[in-house]
Amino acid sequence: MVNENLKQLWSIERVAERWDISKASVRALIVSGEIRSVTIGGRRLIPLSEIERAERFGVGQPRTVHPKK
């Protein structure tokens, strides 16, 4: 059961790849409170349930840039 729970925890690097953003951007989202994380053994990890929750609200999605007129 413990191993199954660990599969549900993603590294900052893996989240950055999923969202196609930088690791620094993922860290900034954590610091700002937009996504939650846990620290285990000195590693910052993000639960898959938190990633999916954030995606429902558009976190990690490319921001829409409006062209200048």
Protein backbone atom coordinates (compact mmCIF):
# COMPACT_ATOMS: atom_id res chain seq x y z
CA MET A 1 0.00 0.00 0.00
CA VAL A 2 2.84 2.38 0.78
CA ASN A 3 4.39 1.79 -2.65
CA GLU A 4 1.04 2.50 -4.31
CA ASN A 5 0.78 5.82 -2.44
CA LEU A 6 4.31 6.78 -3.51
CA LYS A 7 3.35 6.24 -7.15
CA GLN A 8 0.80 8.98 -6.62
CA LEU A 9 3.51 11.51 -5.67
CA TRP A 10 5.20 13.36 -8.52
CA SER A 11 8.53 15.18 -8.52
CA ILE A 12 8.72 18.85 -9.46
CA GLU A 13 10.55 17.81 -12.64
CA ARG A 14 7.80 15.39 -13.67
CA VAL A 15 5.07 17.99 -13.07
CA ALA A 16 7.06 20.55 -15.08
CA GLU A 17 7.27 18.09 -17.98
CA ARG A 18 3.55 17.29 -17.77
CA TRP A 19 2.63 20.97 -17.85
CA ASP A 20 5.43 21.97 -20.23
CA ILE A 21 6.69 24.66 -17.86
CA SER A 22 9.97 25.15 -16.00
CA LYS A 23 10.79 23.59 -12.65
CA ALA A 24 11.14 27.13 -11.30
CA SER A 25 7.54 27.81 -12.36
CA VAL A 26 6.33 24.72 -10.50
CA ARG A 27 8.24 25.85 -7.41
CA ALA A 28 6.66 29.31 -7.72
CA LEU A 29 3.20 27.71 -7.86
CA ILE A 30 4.02 25.82 -4.66
CA VAL A 31 5.33 28.93 -2.88
CA SER A 32 2.29 30.97 -3.95
CA GLY A 33 -0.05 28.27 -2.63
CA GLU A 34 -1.61 27.51 -6.01
CA ILE A 35 -0.58 23.87 -5.65
CA ARG A 36 0.14 21.88 -2.50
CA SER A 37 3.12 19.65 -1.95
CA VAL A 38 4.67 17.40 0.68
CA THR A 39 8.27 16.90 1.69
CA ILE A 40 9.47 13.32 2.13
CA GLY A 41 13.12 12.57 2.76
CA GLY A 42 14.08 16.10 1.77
CA ARG A 43 12.27 15.83 -1.60
CA ARG A 44 9.39 18.12 -2.51
CA LEU A 45 6.63 16.00 -4.08
CA ILE A 46 3.19 16.83 -5.44
CA PRO A 47 0.30 14.39 -5.00
CA LEU A 48 -1.36 13.35 -8.27
CA SER A 49 -4.73 14.33 -6.80
CA GLU A 50 -3.37 17.87 -6.31
CA ILE A 51 -2.06 17.98 -9.90
CA GLU A 52 -5.47 16.93 -11.23
CA ARG A 53 -7.24 19.45 -8.96
CA ALA A 54 -5.00 22.24 -10.17
CA GLU A 55 -5.56 21.26 -13.81
CA ARG A 56 -9.32 21.54 -13.36
CA PHE A 57 -8.74 25.19 -12.43
CA GLY A 58 -6.28 25.88 -15.24
CA VAL A 59 -3.10 25.87 -13.16
CA GLY A 60 -0.19 24.73 -15.28
CA GLN A 61 -1.96 25.55 -18.51
CA PRO A 62 -0.46 28.06 -20.92
CA ARG A 63 -1.70 31.55 -20.25
CA THR A 64 -3.64 33.21 -23.06
CA VAL A 65 -1.72 36.13 -24.48
CA HIS A 66 -3.82 38.76 -26.17
CA PRO A 67 -2.10 40.28 -29.21
CA LYS A 68 -1.53 44.02 -29.15
CA LYS A 69 -3.61 46.05 -31.57
